[in-house]
N, C-alpha and C. Protein backbone atom coordinates (compact mmCIF):
# COMPACT_ATOMS: atom_id res chain seq x y z
N MET A 1 0.82 -1.19 0.00
CA MET A 1 0.00 0.00 0.00
C MET A 1 0.87 1.25 0.00
N ALA A 2 1.85 1.29 0.86
CA ALA A 2 2.73 2.45 0.94
C ALA A 2 3.57 2.55 -0.33
N LEU A 3 3.94 1.38 -0.87
CA LEU A 3 4.73 1.37 -2.11
C LEU A 3 3.89 1.92 -3.27
N HIS A 4 2.60 1.57 -3.29
CA HIS A 4 1.70 2.06 -4.34
C HIS A 4 1.57 3.59 -4.27
N ARG A 5 1.42 4.13 -3.07
CA ARG A 5 1.31 5.58 -2.90
C ARG A 5 2.62 6.28 -3.29
N LEU A 6 3.72 5.65 -3.00
CA LEU A 6 5.02 6.20 -3.37
C LEU A 6 5.16 6.29 -4.89
N PHE A 7 4.69 5.26 -5.61
CA PHE A 7 4.73 5.29 -7.08
C PHE A 7 3.82 6.38 -7.64
N GLN A 8 2.63 6.56 -7.04
CA GLN A 8 1.72 7.61 -7.47
C GLN A 8 2.35 8.98 -7.27
N LEU A 9 2.95 9.18 -6.12
CA LEU A 9 3.58 10.45 -5.81
C LEU A 9 4.75 10.73 -6.74
N SER A 10 5.54 9.68 -7.02
CA SER A 10 6.69 9.88 -7.91
C SER A 10 6.24 10.19 -9.33
N SER A 11 5.15 9.56 -9.81
CA SER A 11 4.67 9.85 -11.16
C SER A 11 4.10 11.27 -11.23
N LEU A 12 3.41 11.70 -10.17
CA LEU A 12 2.89 13.07 -10.11
C LEU A 12 4.03 14.07 -10.09
N LEU A 13 5.02 13.81 -9.29
CA LEU A 13 6.19 14.69 -9.20
C LEU A 13 6.95 14.71 -10.54
N GLY A 14 7.06 13.56 -11.17
CA GLY A 14 7.75 13.47 -12.46
C GLY A 14 7.05 14.27 -13.53
N SER A 15 5.71 14.20 -13.56
CA SER A 15 4.97 14.98 -14.57
C SER A 15 5.11 16.47 -14.32
N ALA A 16 5.11 16.89 -13.05
CA ALA A 16 5.30 18.31 -12.73
C ALA A 16 6.68 18.78 -13.15
N VAL A 17 7.69 17.95 -12.93
CA VAL A 17 9.05 18.32 -13.34
C VAL A 17 9.14 18.40 -14.85
N ARG A 18 8.50 17.46 -15.56
CA ARG A 18 8.52 17.48 -17.03
C ARG A 18 7.88 18.75 -17.58
N VAL A 19 6.74 19.14 -17.01
CA VAL A 19 6.06 20.34 -17.46
C VAL A 19 6.93 21.57 -17.22
N THR A 20 7.54 21.65 -16.06
CA THR A 20 8.40 22.78 -15.73
C THR A 20 9.60 22.85 -16.65
N LEU A 21 10.23 21.73 -16.90
CA LEU A 21 11.38 21.70 -17.81
C LEU A 21 10.97 22.07 -19.23
N ARG A 22 9.83 21.57 -19.68
CA ARG A 22 9.37 21.88 -21.03
C ARG A 22 9.12 23.38 -21.18
N ARG A 23 8.51 23.99 -20.17
CA ARG A 23 8.27 25.43 -20.23
C ARG A 23 9.57 26.21 -20.23
N ASN A 24 10.51 25.82 -19.38
CA ASN A 24 11.78 26.53 -19.30
C ASN A 24 12.58 26.38 -20.59
N ILE A 25 12.56 25.19 -21.17
CA ILE A 25 13.27 24.97 -22.43
C ILE A 25 12.62 25.79 -23.53
N GLY A 26 11.28 25.86 -23.54
CA GLY A 26 10.59 26.65 -24.56
C GLY A 26 10.94 28.12 -24.46
N ILE A 27 10.98 28.65 -23.26
CA ILE A 27 11.31 30.07 -23.07
C ILE A 27 12.76 30.33 -23.42
N SER A 28 13.65 29.44 -22.99
CA SER A 28 15.06 29.66 -23.29
C SER A 28 15.34 29.51 -24.78
N ALA A 29 14.56 28.67 -25.48
CA ALA A 29 14.75 28.53 -26.92
C ALA A 29 14.39 29.82 -27.64
N VAL A 30 13.32 30.47 -27.20
CA VAL A 30 12.93 31.75 -27.80
C VAL A 30 14.01 32.79 -27.56
N LEU A 31 14.50 32.87 -26.34
CA LEU A 31 15.55 33.84 -26.03
C LEU A 31 16.83 33.53 -26.78
N PHE A 32 17.15 32.26 -26.93
CA PHE A 32 18.35 31.87 -27.66
C PHE A 32 18.23 32.25 -29.13
N ASN A 33 17.04 32.06 -29.72
CA ASN A 33 16.85 32.42 -31.13
C ASN A 33 16.97 33.92 -31.35
N ARG A 34 16.55 34.71 -30.37
CA ARG A 34 16.68 36.15 -30.51
C ARG A 34 18.14 36.58 -30.42
N ALA A 35 18.89 35.88 -29.58
CA ALA A 35 20.27 36.28 -29.34
C ALA A 35 21.20 35.85 -30.46
N LYS A 36 20.93 34.71 -31.09
CA LYS A 36 21.86 34.22 -32.10
C LYS A 36 21.64 34.93 -33.44
N GLU A 37 22.60 34.82 -34.29
CA GLU A 37 22.55 35.42 -35.62
C GLU A 37 21.59 34.61 -36.49
N LEU A 38 20.96 35.26 -37.47
CA LEU A 38 20.06 34.57 -38.38
C LEU A 38 20.83 33.57 -39.22
N ASP A 39 20.14 32.53 -39.67
CA ASP A 39 20.82 31.61 -40.57
C ASP A 39 21.00 32.29 -41.93
N PRO A 40 21.85 31.78 -42.79
CA PRO A 40 22.19 32.48 -44.04
C PRO A 40 21.00 32.76 -44.95
N VAL A 41 20.05 31.83 -45.03
CA VAL A 41 18.89 32.04 -45.90
C VAL A 41 18.01 33.15 -45.36
N GLN A 42 17.76 33.14 -44.05
CA GLN A 42 16.96 34.21 -43.44
C GLN A 42 17.66 35.56 -43.60
N LYS A 43 18.96 35.58 -43.41
CA LYS A 43 19.72 36.82 -43.53
C LYS A 43 19.63 37.36 -44.96
N LEU A 44 19.76 36.48 -45.95
CA LEU A 44 19.65 36.89 -47.35
C LEU A 44 18.27 37.46 -47.65
N PHE A 45 17.23 36.80 -47.13
CA PHE A 45 15.86 37.25 -47.35
C PHE A 45 15.63 38.63 -46.73
N VAL A 46 16.08 38.81 -45.50
CA VAL A 46 15.91 40.10 -44.82
C VAL A 46 16.71 41.19 -45.53
N ASP A 47 17.91 40.86 -46.00
CA ASP A 47 18.72 41.84 -46.73
C ASP A 47 18.03 42.28 -48.02
N LYS A 48 17.42 41.34 -48.74
CA LYS A 48 16.72 41.67 -49.98
C LYS A 48 15.50 42.56 -49.71
N ILE A 49 14.79 42.28 -48.63
CA ILE A 49 13.64 43.12 -48.28
C ILE A 49 14.10 44.53 -47.96
N ARG A 50 15.17 44.66 -47.21
CA ARG A 50 15.69 45.99 -46.87
C ARG A 50 16.19 46.71 -48.12
N GLU A 51 16.85 45.99 -49.02
CA GLU A 51 17.33 46.59 -50.27
C GLU A 51 16.16 47.08 -51.12
N TYR A 52 15.08 46.28 -51.20
CA TYR A 52 13.89 46.68 -51.95
C TYR A 52 13.26 47.91 -51.32
N ASN A 53 13.24 47.98 -50.01
CA ASN A 53 12.68 49.14 -49.31
C ASN A 53 13.44 50.41 -49.67
N VAL A 54 14.77 50.33 -49.68
CA VAL A 54 15.59 51.49 -50.04
C VAL A 54 15.33 51.89 -51.49
N LYS A 55 15.27 50.90 -52.39
CA LYS A 55 15.03 51.19 -53.81
C LYS A 55 13.66 51.82 -54.03
N SER A 56 12.64 51.30 -53.33
CA SER A 56 11.29 51.84 -53.54
C SER A 56 11.18 53.26 -53.01
N LYS A 57 11.88 53.56 -51.92
CA LYS A 57 11.85 54.93 -51.40
C LYS A 57 12.57 55.89 -52.35
N SER A 58 13.68 55.43 -52.94
CA SER A 58 14.41 56.31 -53.85
C SER A 58 13.66 56.47 -55.18
N ALA A 59 12.95 55.42 -55.62
CA ALA A 59 12.20 55.49 -56.87
C ALA A 59 10.87 56.22 -56.69
N GLY A 60 10.39 56.29 -55.48
CA GLY A 60 9.12 56.95 -55.21
C GLY A 60 7.92 56.09 -55.55
N GLY A 61 8.08 54.80 -55.58
CA GLY A 61 6.96 53.91 -55.90
C GLY A 61 7.45 52.52 -56.22
N ILE A 62 6.91 51.96 -57.30
CA ILE A 62 7.26 50.61 -57.72
C ILE A 62 8.69 50.58 -58.26
N VAL A 63 9.46 49.58 -57.85
CA VAL A 63 10.84 49.44 -58.30
C VAL A 63 10.86 48.81 -59.69
N ASP A 64 11.72 49.32 -60.55
CA ASP A 64 11.90 48.81 -61.91
C ASP A 64 10.61 48.82 -62.72
N ALA A 65 9.79 49.84 -62.53
CA ALA A 65 8.56 49.98 -63.31
C ALA A 65 8.90 50.77 -64.56
N GLY A 66 8.76 50.13 -65.68
CA GLY A 66 9.09 50.77 -66.94
C GLY A 66 7.93 51.57 -67.49
N PRO A 67 8.08 52.10 -68.71
CA PRO A 67 7.02 52.89 -69.32
C PRO A 67 5.77 52.06 -69.61
N SER A 68 5.92 50.76 -69.87
CA SER A 68 4.74 49.93 -70.14
C SER A 68 3.87 49.82 -68.88
N TYR A 69 4.51 49.74 -67.72
CA TYR A 69 3.75 49.68 -66.47
C TYR A 69 2.97 50.98 -66.27
N GLN A 70 3.64 52.11 -66.48
CA GLN A 70 2.97 53.40 -66.32
C GLN A 70 1.82 53.55 -67.30
N LYS A 71 2.02 53.08 -68.53
CA LYS A 71 0.96 53.16 -69.55
C LYS A 71 -0.23 52.32 -69.13
N ASN A 72 0.00 51.08 -68.68
CA ASN A 72 -1.09 50.23 -68.22
C ASN A 72 -1.80 50.82 -67.01
N MET A 73 -1.04 51.42 -66.12
CA MET A 73 -1.63 52.02 -64.92
C MET A 73 -2.55 53.19 -65.29
N THR A 74 -2.11 54.06 -66.18
CA THR A 74 -2.96 55.20 -66.57
C THR A 74 -4.20 54.72 -67.32
N GLU A 75 -4.06 53.67 -68.14
CA GLU A 75 -5.23 53.14 -68.85
C GLU A 75 -6.25 52.58 -67.86
N GLU A 76 -5.79 51.84 -66.88
CA GLU A 76 -6.71 51.27 -65.89
C GLU A 76 -7.37 52.35 -65.04
N ILE A 77 -6.62 53.37 -64.68
CA ILE A 77 -7.20 54.47 -63.90
C ILE A 77 -8.26 55.20 -64.72
N THR A 78 -8.00 55.41 -66.01
CA THR A 78 -9.01 56.08 -66.85
C THR A 78 -10.25 55.22 -66.99
N LYS A 79 -10.09 53.91 -67.10
CA LYS A 79 -11.25 53.02 -67.18
C LYS A 79 -12.07 53.11 -65.90
N LEU A 80 -11.40 53.08 -64.76
CA LEU A 80 -12.11 53.15 -63.49
C LEU A 80 -12.80 54.49 -63.29
N GLN A 81 -12.14 55.57 -63.72
CA GLN A 81 -12.77 56.89 -63.60
C GLN A 81 -14.01 56.97 -64.49
N ARG A 82 -13.93 56.37 -65.66
CA ARG A 82 -15.08 56.37 -66.56
C ARG A 82 -16.22 55.55 -65.97
N LEU A 83 -15.89 54.41 -65.38
CA LEU A 83 -16.92 53.53 -64.81
C LEU A 83 -17.57 54.12 -63.56
N TYR A 84 -16.77 54.74 -62.72
CA TYR A 84 -17.28 55.19 -61.42
C TYR A 84 -17.42 56.70 -61.30
N GLY A 85 -17.43 57.42 -62.36
CA GLY A 85 -17.76 58.83 -62.32
C GLY A 85 -16.62 59.75 -61.96
N GLY A 86 -15.40 59.40 -62.23
CA GLY A 86 -14.28 60.30 -62.00
C GLY A 86 -13.86 60.36 -60.55
N GLY A 87 -13.16 61.44 -60.23
CA GLY A 87 -12.65 61.60 -58.87
C GLY A 87 -11.21 61.15 -58.78
N ASP A 88 -10.63 61.40 -57.63
CA ASP A 88 -9.23 61.03 -57.40
C ASP A 88 -9.20 59.59 -56.87
N LEU A 89 -8.67 58.66 -57.66
CA LEU A 89 -8.65 57.26 -57.28
C LEU A 89 -7.43 56.88 -56.45
N THR A 90 -6.54 57.83 -56.22
CA THR A 90 -5.35 57.50 -55.45
C THR A 90 -5.52 57.75 -53.96
N LYS A 91 -6.64 58.35 -53.56
CA LYS A 91 -6.87 58.56 -52.13
C LYS A 91 -8.17 57.90 -51.71
N PHE A 92 -8.27 57.62 -50.43
CA PHE A 92 -9.45 56.96 -49.89
C PHE A 92 -10.63 57.94 -49.93
N PRO A 93 -11.81 57.47 -50.32
CA PRO A 93 -12.95 58.38 -50.41
C PRO A 93 -13.37 58.92 -49.04
N ASP A 94 -13.94 60.09 -49.07
CA ASP A 94 -14.41 60.75 -47.85
C ASP A 94 -15.93 60.55 -47.77
N PHE A 95 -16.37 59.72 -46.84
CA PHE A 95 -17.79 59.43 -46.69
C PHE A 95 -18.43 60.42 -45.73
N LYS A 96 -19.64 60.85 -46.07
CA LYS A 96 -20.40 61.73 -45.19
C LYS A 96 -21.78 61.12 -45.02
N PHE A 97 -22.11 60.79 -43.78
CA PHE A 97 -23.40 60.22 -43.48
C PHE A 97 -24.19 61.22 -42.67
N PRO A 98 -25.21 61.84 -43.26
CA PRO A 98 -26.01 62.82 -42.50
C PRO A 98 -26.88 62.09 -41.46
N GLU A 99 -27.14 62.80 -40.38
CA GLU A 99 -28.00 62.25 -39.33
C GLU A 99 -29.41 62.17 -39.85
N PRO A 100 -30.07 61.04 -39.65
CA PRO A 100 -31.46 60.92 -40.11
C PRO A 100 -32.39 61.74 -39.22
N LYS A 101 -33.42 62.28 -39.83
CA LYS A 101 -34.40 63.05 -39.07
C LYS A 101 -35.49 62.10 -38.60
N LEU A 102 -35.58 61.98 -37.31
CA LEU A 102 -36.57 61.06 -36.73
C LEU A 102 -37.78 61.87 -36.27
N GLU A 103 -38.93 61.32 -36.56
CA GLU A 103 -40.18 61.99 -36.14
C GLU A 103 -40.84 61.15 -35.06
N GLU A 104 -41.39 61.84 -34.09
CA GLU A 104 -42.09 61.14 -33.03
C GLU A 104 -43.51 60.85 -33.49
N VAL A 105 -43.89 59.59 -33.31
CA VAL A 105 -45.23 59.16 -33.76
C VAL A 105 -46.11 58.99 -32.53
N ALA A 106 -47.27 59.62 -32.56
CA ALA A 106 -48.21 59.50 -31.42
C ALA A 106 -48.95 58.17 -31.52
N LYS A 107 -49.15 57.56 -30.35
CA LYS A 107 -49.85 56.27 -30.33
C LYS A 107 -51.31 56.43 -30.10
């Protein structure tokens, strides 16, 4: 009987220790990944994204957009302006919702 209780207690204690170790390893793995250098593929990917960001800021828009892209863009904008009644399609529309006039109805 006492041996049975000892085994129960040891299995309970063992599961608690496993959970604690798993949590600590998980937290330390996250901290370790932040501290270490990126692997070469991740580093290359991040470098390309940063390079594209610099190029797009210097170009003022799409990188390596030739005259055909600009021509297609203006054609599509003209089509949309014709379909939807003109206006500036490069900015978000300004919606105005007037307050409804409610009338009191006598019962």
